[in-house]
Amino acid sequence: MTNRQDLTFFQRYEFFIRRLHSLSGLVPVGAFLCVHLIVNASVLNSAATYQQNVYSIHWLDSILPVVEWLFIFLPIFFHGLFGFVIMWSGRPNNAAYPYPNNIRFTLQRATGIIAFLFIVWHVLHMHGWFHMEWWLESIAFPLGGSKFRPFNATSTAAIALQASYVVQALYAIGVIACVYHLANGIWTMSITWGVCISAAAQVRMTIVCTVFGVTLGVIGLGSLWGLATADVQKAVEMEDRMYESKVQSGEMRPNKHKRAESLPGNEEDEE
């Protein structure tokens, strides 16, 4: 009989960790992915619509970083890192038994790795991870990161994506991996949590998850298309008008750090 003290932390609390890992993939990580892609896809309506949606998020102002870390970044790291632990604790068997469920099992793990690496790069690329001046100047900017500015949402995101087809391809791969991992994860979760036990219920859930995944994938790729084809100059003109209007009305405080003028090389343009 194995002594409990001889077990690792993961082995002692494996059931609880696996359930928490499964739940975190749906809420808040999965929920945030859906909201994030839908907000980004609003650029397909117009640059003004997207900018207004970004303003709606940034009304949180100084507490936004706290919300991001507590409800987005830390859950993502927990889900991702313990996902690696779970992967190391088991072995795929699709080579010996190439059935659809085993293939999905392997794809779930593969897309999990791709999604995690993509998110780490995406946050660095667009936001720089941290907003301290020394970090941005010493780490983020030299690595080509922190391209996005929320008060110039469409133009800065468009410039970042329009930099090269390689960047666009990486984003497309990353979005597809994230969407597949979520959609298939919901199917797996429905079985793990005892929601779908019978074969018929699992078939129905497969249809639901497939429709959900395809829909969310179209939304995600649509947002990339909207930003990759956006007219940057027209977007800048609209963003400037919206910013000046909100500042003059007192609806928003001036903040140059959330504007394109804070990007390297743009400081002189504002003088």
C-alpha atoms as a PDB file:
ATOM      1  CA  MET A   1       0.000   0.000   0.000  1.00  0.00           C
ATOM      2  CA  THR A   2       1.415   3.379  -1.024  1.00  0.00           C
ATOM      3  CA  ASN A   3       2.111   5.819   1.790  1.00  0.00           C
ATOM      4  CA  ARG A   4       0.293   9.111   1.196  1.00  0.00           C
ATOM      5  CA  GLN A   5       3.441  11.003   2.212  1.00  0.00           C
ATOM      6  CA  ASP A   6       5.332   9.325  -0.642  1.00  0.00           C
ATOM      7  CA  LEU A   7       2.909  10.726  -3.226  1.00  0.00           C
ATOM      8  CA  THR A   8       3.537  13.941  -5.112  1.00  0.00           C
ATOM      9  CA  PHE A   9       1.257  16.951  -4.642  1.00  0.00           C
ATOM     10  CA  PHE A  10      -0.433  16.198  -7.964  1.00  0.00           C
ATOM     11  CA  GLN A  11      -0.984  12.546  -7.039  1.00  0.00           C
ATOM     12  CA  ARG A  12      -2.505  13.449  -3.662  1.00  0.00           C
ATOM     13  CA  TYR A  13      -4.945  15.958  -5.108  1.00  0.00           C
ATOM     14  CA  GLU A  14      -5.269  14.617  -8.643  1.00  0.00           C
ATOM     15  CA  PHE A  15      -9.079  14.339  -8.658  1.00  0.00           C
ATOM     16  CA  PHE A  16      -9.590  17.898  -7.379  1.00  0.00           C
ATOM     17  CA  ILE A  17      -6.931  19.377  -9.687  1.00  0.00           C
ATOM     18  CA  ARG A  18      -8.331  17.626 -12.751  1.00  0.00           C
ATOM     19  CA  ARG A  19     -11.840  18.895 -11.979  1.00  0.00           C
ATOM     20  CA  LEU A  20     -10.601  22.427 -11.337  1.00  0.00           C
ATOM     21  CA  HIS A  21      -8.504  22.268 -14.491  1.00  0.00           C
ATOM     22  CA  SER A  22     -11.524  21.143 -16.482  1.00  0.00           C
ATOM     23  CA  LEU A  23     -13.764  23.845 -14.998  1.00  0.00           C
ATOM     24  CA  SER A  24     -11.222  26.629 -15.523  1.00  0.00           C
ATOM     25  CA  GLY A  25     -11.066  25.745 -19.203  1.00  0.00           C
ATOM     26  CA  LEU A  26     -14.743  26.643 -19.478  1.00  0.00           C
ATOM     27  CA  VAL A  27     -14.965  29.469 -16.939  1.00  0.00           C
ATOM     28  CA  PRO A  28     -13.243  31.861 -17.082  1.00  0.00           C
ATOM     29  CA  VAL A  29     -10.805  30.909 -19.868  1.00  0.00           C
ATOM     30  CA  GLY A  30     -13.318  29.615 -22.412  1.00  0.00           C
ATOM     31  CA  ALA A  31     -15.839  32.351 -21.652  1.00  0.00           C
ATOM     32  CA  PHE A  32     -13.153  34.999 -22.108  1.00  0.00           C
ATOM     33  CA  LEU A  33     -12.101  33.499 -25.439  1.00  0.00           C
ATOM     34  CA  CYS A  34     -15.669  33.784 -26.727  1.00  0.00           C
ATOM     35  CA  VAL A  35     -16.038  37.393 -25.580  1.00  0.00           C
ATOM     36  CA  HIS A  36     -12.584  38.317 -26.886  1.00  0.00           C
ATOM     37  CA  LEU A  37     -13.209  36.935 -30.371  1.00  0.00           C
ATOM     38  CA  ILE A  38     -16.698  38.437 -30.595  1.00  0.00           C
ATOM     39  CA  VAL A  39     -15.439  41.878 -29.555  1.00  0.00           C
ATOM     40  CA  ASN A  40     -12.610  41.668 -32.090  1.00  0.00           C
ATOM     41  CA  ALA A  41     -15.042  40.572 -34.802  1.00  0.00           C
ATOM     42  CA  SER A  42     -17.046  43.767 -34.282  1.00  0.00           C
ATOM     43  CA  VAL A  43     -14.390  45.424 -36.457  1.00  0.00           C
ATOM     44  CA  LEU A  44     -16.185  43.782 -39.386  1.00  0.00           C
ATOM     45  CA  ASN A  45     -19.097  46.123 -38.710  1.00  0.00           C
ATOM     46  CA  SER A  46     -16.872  49.187 -38.502  1.00  0.00           C
ATOM     47  CA  ALA A  47     -13.720  50.473 -36.848  1.00  0.00           C
ATOM     48  CA  ALA A  48     -15.927  52.755 -34.733  1.00  0.00           C
ATOM     49  CA  THR A  49     -17.929  49.787 -33.404  1.00  0.00           C
ATOM     50  CA  TYR A  50     -14.763  47.978 -32.403  1.00  0.00           C
ATOM     51  CA  GLN A  51     -13.318  51.105 -30.796  1.00  0.00           C
ATOM     52  CA  GLN A  52     -16.491  51.681 -28.784  1.00  0.00           C
ATOM     53  CA  ASN A  53     -16.394  48.079 -27.543  1.00  0.00           C
ATOM     54  CA  VAL A  54     -12.791  48.517 -26.455  1.00  0.00           C
ATOM     55  CA  TYR A  55     -13.725  51.733 -24.635  1.00  0.00           C
ATOM     56  CA  SER A  56     -16.467  49.787 -22.853  1.00  0.00           C
ATOM     57  CA  ILE A  57     -13.828  47.419 -21.505  1.00  0.00           C
ATOM     58  CA  HIS A  58     -11.376  50.133 -20.505  1.00  0.00           C
ATOM     59  CA  TRP A  59     -13.853  52.066 -18.391  1.00  0.00           C
ATOM     60  CA  LEU A  60     -12.396  49.932 -15.577  1.00  0.00           C
ATOM     61  CA  ASP A  61      -9.290  52.123 -15.964  1.00  0.00           C
ATOM     62  CA  SER A  62      -6.749  51.494 -13.169  1.00  0.00           C
ATOM     63  CA  ILE A  63      -8.394  48.301 -11.874  1.00  0.00           C
ATOM     64  CA  LEU A  64      -8.358  46.670 -15.323  1.00  0.00           C
ATOM     65  CA  PRO A  65      -4.891  45.078 -14.807  1.00  0.00           C
ATOM     66  CA  VAL A  66      -6.135  43.525 -11.543  1.00  0.00           C
ATOM     67  CA  VAL A  67      -9.188  42.085 -13.294  1.00  0.00           C
ATOM     68  CA  GLU A  68      -7.037  40.813 -16.171  1.00  0.00           C
ATOM     69  CA  TRP A  69      -4.583  39.005 -13.906  1.00  0.00           C
ATOM     70  CA  LEU A  70      -7.149  37.565 -11.497  1.00  0.00           C
ATOM     71  CA  PHE A  71      -9.746  36.433 -14.000  1.00  0.00           C
ATOM     72  CA  ILE A  72      -7.812  35.934 -17.246  1.00  0.00           C
ATOM     73  CA  PHE A  73      -4.040  35.506 -17.036  1.00  0.00           C
ATOM     74  CA  LEU A  74      -3.746  33.486 -13.809  1.00  0.00           C
ATOM     75  CA  PRO A  75      -6.538  31.061 -14.841  1.00  0.00           C
ATOM     76  CA  ILE A  76      -4.873  30.684 -18.254  1.00  0.00           C
ATOM     77  CA  PHE A  77      -1.539  29.867 -16.625  1.00  0.00           C
ATOM     78  CA  PHE A  78      -3.197  27.447 -14.211  1.00  0.00           C
ATOM     79  CA  HIS A  79      -5.083  25.688 -16.996  1.00  0.00           C
ATOM     80  CA  GLY A  80      -2.057  25.621 -19.285  1.00  0.00           C
ATOM     81  CA  LEU A  81       0.593  24.537 -16.800  1.00  0.00           C
ATOM     82  CA  PHE A  82      -1.518  21.846 -15.174  1.00  0.00           C
ATOM     83  CA  GLY A  83      -2.506  20.778 -18.663  1.00  0.00           C
ATOM     84  CA  PHE A  84       1.166  20.008 -19.260  1.00  0.00           C
ATOM     85  CA  VAL A  85       1.305  18.075 -15.978  1.00  0.00           C
ATOM     86  CA  ILE A  86      -1.723  16.027 -17.024  1.00  0.00           C
ATOM     87  CA  MET A  87      -0.149  15.375 -20.424  1.00  0.00           C
ATOM     88  CA  TRP A  88       3.051  14.122 -18.847  1.00  0.00           C
ATOM     89  CA  SER A  89       1.051  11.794 -16.581  1.00  0.00           C
ATOM     90  CA  GLY A  90      -0.547   9.897 -19.478  1.00  0.00           C
ATOM     91  CA  ARG A  91       0.228   8.568 -22.930  1.00  0.00           C
ATOM     92  CA  PRO A  92      -1.836   8.817 -26.127  1.00  0.00           C
ATOM     93  CA  ASN A  93      -2.945   5.505 -27.576  1.00  0.00           C
ATOM     94  CA  ASN A  94      -4.121   6.610 -31.020  1.00  0.00           C
ATOM     95  CA  ALA A  95      -1.200   4.812 -32.691  1.00  0.00           C
ATOM     96  CA  ALA A  96      -2.405   1.434 -31.425  1.00  0.00           C
ATOM     97  CA  TYR A  97      -6.125   2.238 -31.616  1.00  0.00           C
ATOM     98  CA  PRO A  98      -6.732   4.869 -34.338  1.00  0.00           C
ATOM     99  CA  TYR A  99     -10.365   5.552 -33.487  1.00  0.00           C
ATOM    100  CA  PRO A 100     -11.952   9.043 -33.703  1.00  0.00           C
ATOM    101  CA  ASN A 101     -12.051   9.545 -29.928  1.00  0.00           C
ATOM    102  CA  ASN A 102      -8.359   8.688 -29.616  1.00  0.00           C
ATOM    103  CA  ILE A 103      -7.497  11.059 -32.444  1.00  0.00           C
ATOM    104  CA  ARG A 104      -9.511  13.787 -30.721  1.00  0.00           C
ATOM    105  CA  PHE A 105      -7.639  12.988 -27.512  1.00  0.00           C
ATOM    106  CA  THR A 106      -4.313  13.618 -29.252  1.00  0.00           C
ATOM    107  CA  LEU A 107      -5.584  16.715 -31.052  1.00  0.00           C
ATOM    108  CA  GLN A 108      -6.812  18.102 -27.739  1.00  0.00           C
ATOM    109  CA  ARG A 109      -3.326  17.832 -26.316  1.00  0.00           C
ATOM    110  CA  ALA A 110      -1.621  19.168 -29.444  1.00  0.00           C
ATOM    111  CA  THR A 111      -3.944  22.169 -29.719  1.00  0.00           C
ATOM    112  CA  GLY A 112      -3.503  22.787 -25.995  1.00  0.00           C
ATOM    113  CA  ILE A 113       0.249  23.173 -26.489  1.00  0.00           C
ATOM    114  CA  ILE A 114      -0.203  25.371 -29.563  1.00  0.00           C
ATOM    115  CA  ALA A 115      -2.877  27.471 -27.854  1.00  0.00           C
ATOM    116  CA  PHE A 116      -0.767  28.060 -24.737  1.00  0.00           C
ATOM    117  CA  LEU A 117       2.320  29.076 -26.723  1.00  0.00           C
ATOM    118  CA  PHE A 118       0.173  31.259 -28.974  1.00  0.00           C
ATOM    119  CA  ILE A 119      -1.445  33.062 -26.031  1.00  0.00           C
ATOM    120  CA  VAL A 120       1.936  33.770 -24.428  1.00  0.00           C
ATOM    121  CA  TRP A 121       3.216  35.213 -27.719  1.00  0.00           C
ATOM    122  CA  HIS A 122      -0.042  37.020 -28.552  1.00  0.00           C
ATOM    123  CA  VAL A 123      -0.159  38.872 -25.230  1.00  0.00           C
ATOM    124  CA  LEU A 124       3.503  39.847 -25.628  1.00  0.00           C
ATOM    125  CA  HIS A 125       2.993  40.868 -29.248  1.00  0.00           C
ATOM    126  CA  MET A 126      -0.074  43.022 -28.648  1.00  0.00           C
ATOM    127  CA  HIS A 127       0.129  44.056 -24.977  1.00  0.00           C
ATOM    128  CA  GLY A 128       3.679  43.404 -23.818  1.00  0.00           C
ATOM    129  CA  TRP A 129       2.472  41.456 -20.735  1.00  0.00           C
ATOM    130  CA  PHE A 130       3.525  44.170 -18.258  1.00  0.00           C
ATOM    131  CA  HIS A 131       3.108  47.929 -18.535  1.00  0.00           C
ATOM    132  CA  MET A 132       6.117  49.079 -16.517  1.00  0.00           C
ATOM    133  CA  GLU A 133       8.304  51.452 -18.516  1.00  0.00           C
ATOM    134  CA  TRP A 134      11.535  49.529 -17.905  1.00  0.00           C
ATOM    135  CA  TRP A 135       9.913  46.259 -19.028  1.00  0.00           C
ATOM    136  CA  LEU A 136       8.483  47.766 -22.201  1.00  0.00           C
ATOM    137  CA  GLU A 137      11.724  49.494 -23.190  1.00  0.00           C
ATOM    138  CA  SER A 138      14.087  46.651 -22.218  1.00  0.00           C
ATOM    139  CA  ILE A 139      12.041  43.558 -23.087  1.00  0.00           C
ATOM    140  CA  ALA A 140       8.753  44.091 -24.920  1.00  0.00           C
ATOM    141  CA  PHE A 141       9.753  46.670 -27.535  1.00  0.00           C
ATOM    142  CA  PRO A 142      13.060  44.967 -28.489  1.00  0.00           C
ATOM    143  CA  LEU A 143      11.148  41.686 -28.954  1.00  0.00           C
ATOM    144  CA  GLY A 144       8.643  43.390 -31.235  1.00  0.00           C
ATOM    145  CA  GLY A 145       5.911  43.406 -28.612  1.00  0.00           C
ATOM    146  CA  SER A 146       3.328  45.782 -27.148  1.00  0.00           C
ATOM    147  CA  LYS A 147       1.907  46.795 -30.543  1.00  0.00           C
ATOM    148  CA  PHE A 148      -1.696  47.371 -29.440  1.00  0.00           C
ATOM    149  CA  ARG A 149      -3.039  50.596 -27.980  1.00  0.00           C
ATOM    150  CA  PRO A 150      -6.664  50.452 -26.753  1.00  0.00           C
ATOM    151  CA  PHE A 151      -7.513  54.060 -27.649  1.00  0.00           C
ATOM    152  CA  ASN A 152      -6.264  53.405 -31.201  1.00  0.00           C
ATOM    153  CA  ALA A 153      -7.640  49.878 -31.245  1.00  0.00           C
ATOM    154  CA  THR A 154      -8.273  49.204 -34.938  1.00  0.00           C
ATOM    155  CA  SER A 155      -5.272  51.037 -36.361  1.00  0.00           C
ATOM    156  CA  THR A 156      -2.651  49.594 -33.994  1.00  0.00           C
ATOM    157  CA  ALA A 157      -4.031  46.042 -34.195  1.00  0.00           C
ATOM    158  CA  ALA A 158      -4.254  46.333 -37.980  1.00  0.00           C
ATOM    159  CA  ILE A 159      -0.665  47.559 -38.280  1.00  0.00           C
ATOM    160  CA  ALA A 160       0.517  44.674 -36.085  1.00  0.00           C
ATOM    161  CA  LEU A 161      -1.314  42.104 -38.237  1.00  0.00           C
ATOM    162  CA  GLN A 162      -0.504  43.701 -41.565  1.00  0.00           C
ATOM    163  CA  ALA A 163       3.214  43.582 -40.786  1.00  0.00           C
ATOM    164  CA  SER A 164       3.588  40.260 -42.625  1.00  0.00           C
ATOM    165  CA  TYR A 165       1.734  37.196 -43.873  1.00  0.00           C
ATOM    166  CA  VAL A 166       3.707  35.139 -41.360  1.00  0.00           C
ATOM    167  CA  VAL A 167       2.128  37.059 -38.473  1.00  0.00           C
ATOM    168  CA  GLN A 168      -1.324  36.581 -39.992  1.00  0.00           C
ATOM    169  CA  ALA A 169      -0.695  32.847 -40.465  1.00  0.00           C
ATOM    170  CA  LEU A 170       0.472  32.463 -36.857  1.00  0.00           C
ATOM    171  CA  TYR A 171      -2.656  34.218 -35.626  1.00  0.00           C
ATOM    172  CA  ALA A 172      -4.894  32.040 -37.788  1.00  0.00           C
ATOM    173  CA  ILE A 173      -3.225  28.861 -36.495  1.00  0.00           C
ATOM    174  CA  GLY A 174      -3.422  30.119 -32.912  1.00  0.00           C
ATOM    175  CA  VAL A 175      -7.107  31.050 -33.149  1.00  0.00           C
ATOM    176  CA  ILE A 176      -8.038  27.701 -34.718  1.00  0.00           C
ATOM    177  CA  ALA A 177      -6.085  25.842 -32.033  1.00  0.00           C
ATOM    178  CA  CYS A 178      -7.782  27.805 -29.232  1.00  0.00           C
ATOM    179  CA  VAL A 179     -11.245  27.282 -30.693  1.00  0.00           C
ATOM    180  CA  TYR A 180     -10.767  23.552 -31.285  1.00  0.00           C
ATOM    181  CA  HIS A 181      -9.320  23.091 -27.800  1.00  0.00           C
ATOM    182  CA  LEU A 182     -12.332  24.817 -26.255  1.00  0.00           C
ATOM    183  CA  ALA A 183     -15.004  23.098 -28.375  1.00  0.00           C
ATOM    184  CA  ASN A 184     -13.531  19.626 -27.939  1.00  0.00           C
ATOM    185  CA  GLY A 185     -12.834  20.390 -24.278  1.00  0.00           C
ATOM    186  CA  ILE A 186     -16.529  21.108 -23.722  1.00  0.00           C
ATOM    187  CA  TRP A 187     -17.350  17.702 -25.225  1.00  0.00           C
ATOM    188  CA  THR A 188     -14.789  16.006 -22.974  1.00  0.00           C
ATOM    189  CA  MET A 189     -16.019  17.953 -19.960  1.00  0.00           C
ATOM    190  CA  SER A 190     -19.606  16.850 -20.576  1.00  0.00           C
ATOM    191  CA  ILE A 191     -18.482  13.241 -20.188  1.00  0.00           C
ATOM    192  CA  THR A 192     -16.064  13.848 -17.302  1.00  0.00           C
ATOM    193  CA  TRP A 193     -18.731  15.679 -15.292  1.00  0.00           C
ATOM    194  CA  GLY A 194     -21.402  13.082 -16.061  1.00  0.00           C
ATOM    195  CA  VAL A 195     -23.596  15.313 -18.232  1.00  0.00           C
ATOM    196  CA  CYS A 196     -23.464  13.006 -21.268  1.00  0.00           C
ATOM    197  CA  ILE A 197     -23.285   9.361 -20.304  1.00  0.00           C
ATOM    198  CA  SER A 198     -25.144   7.499 -23.029  1.00  0.00           C
ATOM    199  CA  ALA A 199     -23.858   7.065 -26.582  1.00  0.00           C
ATOM    200  CA  ALA A 200     -26.843   9.008 -27.942  1.00  0.00           C
ATOM    201  CA  ALA A 201     -26.153  11.921 -25.603  1.00  0.00           C
ATOM    202  CA  GLN A 202     -22.513  11.973 -26.667  1.00  0.00           C
ATOM    203  CA  VAL A 203     -23.517  12.066 -30.328  1.00  0.00           C
ATOM    204  CA  ARG A 204     -25.816  15.023 -29.654  1.00  0.00           C
ATOM    205  CA  MET A 205     -23.059  16.786 -27.738  1.00  0.00           C
ATOM    206  CA  THR A 206     -20.670  16.145 -30.627  1.00  0.00           C
ATOM    207  CA  ILE A 207     -23.063  17.963 -32.975  1.00  0.00           C
ATOM    208  CA  VAL A 208     -23.488  20.851 -30.529  1.00  0.00           C
ATOM    209  CA  CYS A 209     -19.731  21.229 -29.994  1.00  0.00           C
ATOM    210  CA  THR A 210     -19.040  20.995 -33.721  1.00  0.00           C
ATOM    211  CA  VAL A 211     -21.536  23.748 -34.539  1.00  0.00           C
ATOM    212  CA  PHE A 212     -20.200  25.849 -31.672  1.00  0.00           C
ATOM    213  CA  GLY A 213     -16.581  25.336 -32.733  1.00  0.00           C
ATOM    214  CA  VAL A 214     -17.197  26.099 -36.404  1.00  0.00           C
ATOM    215  CA  THR A 215     -19.212  29.224 -35.521  1.00  0.00           C
ATOM    216  CA  LEU A 216     -16.608  30.529 -33.091  1.00  0.00           C
ATOM    217  CA  GLY A 217     -13.834  29.682 -35.560  1.00  0.00           C
ATOM    218  CA  VAL A 218     -15.541  31.703 -38.293  1.00  0.00           C
ATOM    219  CA  ILE A 219     -15.944  34.607 -35.863  1.00  0.00           C
ATOM    220  CA  GLY A 220     -12.265  34.417 -34.864  1.00  0.00           C
ATOM    221  CA  LEU A 221     -10.954  34.199 -38.411  1.00  0.00           C
ATOM    222  CA  GLY A 222     -13.397  36.927 -39.430  1.00  0.00           C
ATOM    223  CA  SER A 223     -11.884  39.265 -36.848  1.00  0.00           C
ATOM    224  CA  LEU A 224      -8.415  38.558 -38.264  1.00  0.00           C
ATOM    225  CA  TRP A 225      -9.673  39.253 -41.773  1.00  0.00           C
ATOM    226  CA  GLY A 226     -11.264  42.526 -40.646  1.00  0.00           C
ATOM    227  CA  LEU A 227      -8.044  43.765 -39.057  1.00  0.00           C
ATOM    228  CA  ALA A 228      -5.805  42.456 -41.849  1.00  0.00           C
ATOM    229  CA  THR A 229      -7.817  44.398 -44.451  1.00  0.00           C
ATOM    230  CA  ALA A 230      -8.635  47.511 -42.391  1.00  0.00           C
ATOM    231  CA  ASP A 231      -7.853  50.967 -43.763  1.00  0.00           C
ATOM    232  CA  VAL A 232      -5.393  52.202 -41.147  1.00  0.00           C
ATOM    233  CA  GLN A 233      -5.528  55.887 -42.077  1.00  0.00           C
ATOM    234  CA  LYS A 234      -9.332  56.058 -41.931  1.00  0.00           C
ATOM    235  CA  ALA A 235      -9.271  54.181 -38.643  1.00  0.00           C
ATOM    236  CA  VAL A 236      -6.804  56.675 -37.143  1.00  0.00           C
ATOM    237  CA  GLU A 237      -8.980  59.616 -38.153  1.00  0.00           C
ATOM    238  CA  MET A 238     -12.050  58.027 -36.567  1.00  0.00           C
ATOM    239  CA  GLU A 239     -10.147  57.075 -33.398  1.00  0.00           C
ATOM    240  CA  ASP A 240      -8.845  60.615 -32.970  1.00  0.00           C
ATOM    241  CA  ARG A 241     -12.355  62.048 -33.289  1.00  0.00           C
ATOM    242  CA  MET A 242     -13.789  59.591 -30.775  1.00  0.00           C
ATOM    243  CA  TYR A 243     -10.954  60.170 -28.327  1.00  0.00           C
ATOM    244  CA  GLU A 244     -11.206  63.971 -28.475  1.00  0.00           C
ATOM    245  CA  SER A 245     -14.991  63.817 -28.107  1.00  0.00           C
ATOM    246  CA  LYS A 246     -14.843  61.585 -25.039  1.00  0.00           C
ATOM    247  CA  VAL A 247     -12.130  63.658 -23.385  1.00  0.00           C
ATOM    248  CA  GLN A 248     -13.911  66.962 -24.053  1.00  0.00           C
ATOM    249  CA  SER A 249     -17.205  65.617 -22.716  1.00  0.00           C
ATOM    250  CA  GLY A 250     -15.497  64.429 -19.541  1.00  0.00           C
ATOM    251  CA  GLU A 251     -16.491  60.852 -20.244  1.00  0.00           C
ATOM    252  CA  MET A 252     -12.849  59.800 -20.225  1.00  0.00           C
ATOM    253  CA  ARG A 253      -9.566  61.085 -18.873  1.00  0.00           C
ATOM    254  CA  PRO A 254      -6.672  61.739 -21.265  1.00  0.00           C
ATOM    255  CA  ASN A 255      -4.213  58.858 -21.320  1.00  0.00           C
ATOM    256  CA  LYS A 256      -1.367  58.995 -23.826  1.00  0.00           C
ATOM    257  CA  HIS A 257      -0.097  55.569 -22.713  1.00  0.00           C
ATOM    258  CA  LYS A 258      -3.199  53.991 -24.267  1.00  0.00           C
ATOM    259  CA  ARG A 259      -2.729  55.921 -27.488  1.00  0.00           C
ATOM    260  CA  ALA A 260      -0.553  55.194 -30.527  1.00  0.00           C
ATOM    261  CA  GLU A 261       1.661  58.143 -29.587  1.00  0.00           C
ATOM    262  CA  SER A 262       3.244  55.976 -26.874  1.00  0.00           C
ATOM    263  CA  LEU A 263       4.570  53.519 -29.448  1.00  0.00           C
ATOM    264  CA  PRO A 264       8.310  53.675 -30.236  1.00  0.00           C
ATOM    265  CA  GLY A 265       8.984  56.155 -33.028  1.00  0.00           C
ATOM    266  CA  ASN A 266       5.667  57.963 -32.650  1.00  0.00           C
ATOM    267  CA  GLU A 267       6.627  60.377 -29.886  1.00  0.00           C
ATOM    268  CA  GLU A 268       8.044  62.946 -32.279  1.00  0.00           C
ATOM    269  CA  ASP A 269       4.929  62.805 -34.440  1.00  0.00           C
ATOM    270  CA  GLU A 270       2.920  64.250 -31.557  1.00  0.00           C
ATOM    271  CA  GLU A 271       5.251  67.200 -30.933  1.00  0.00           C
END
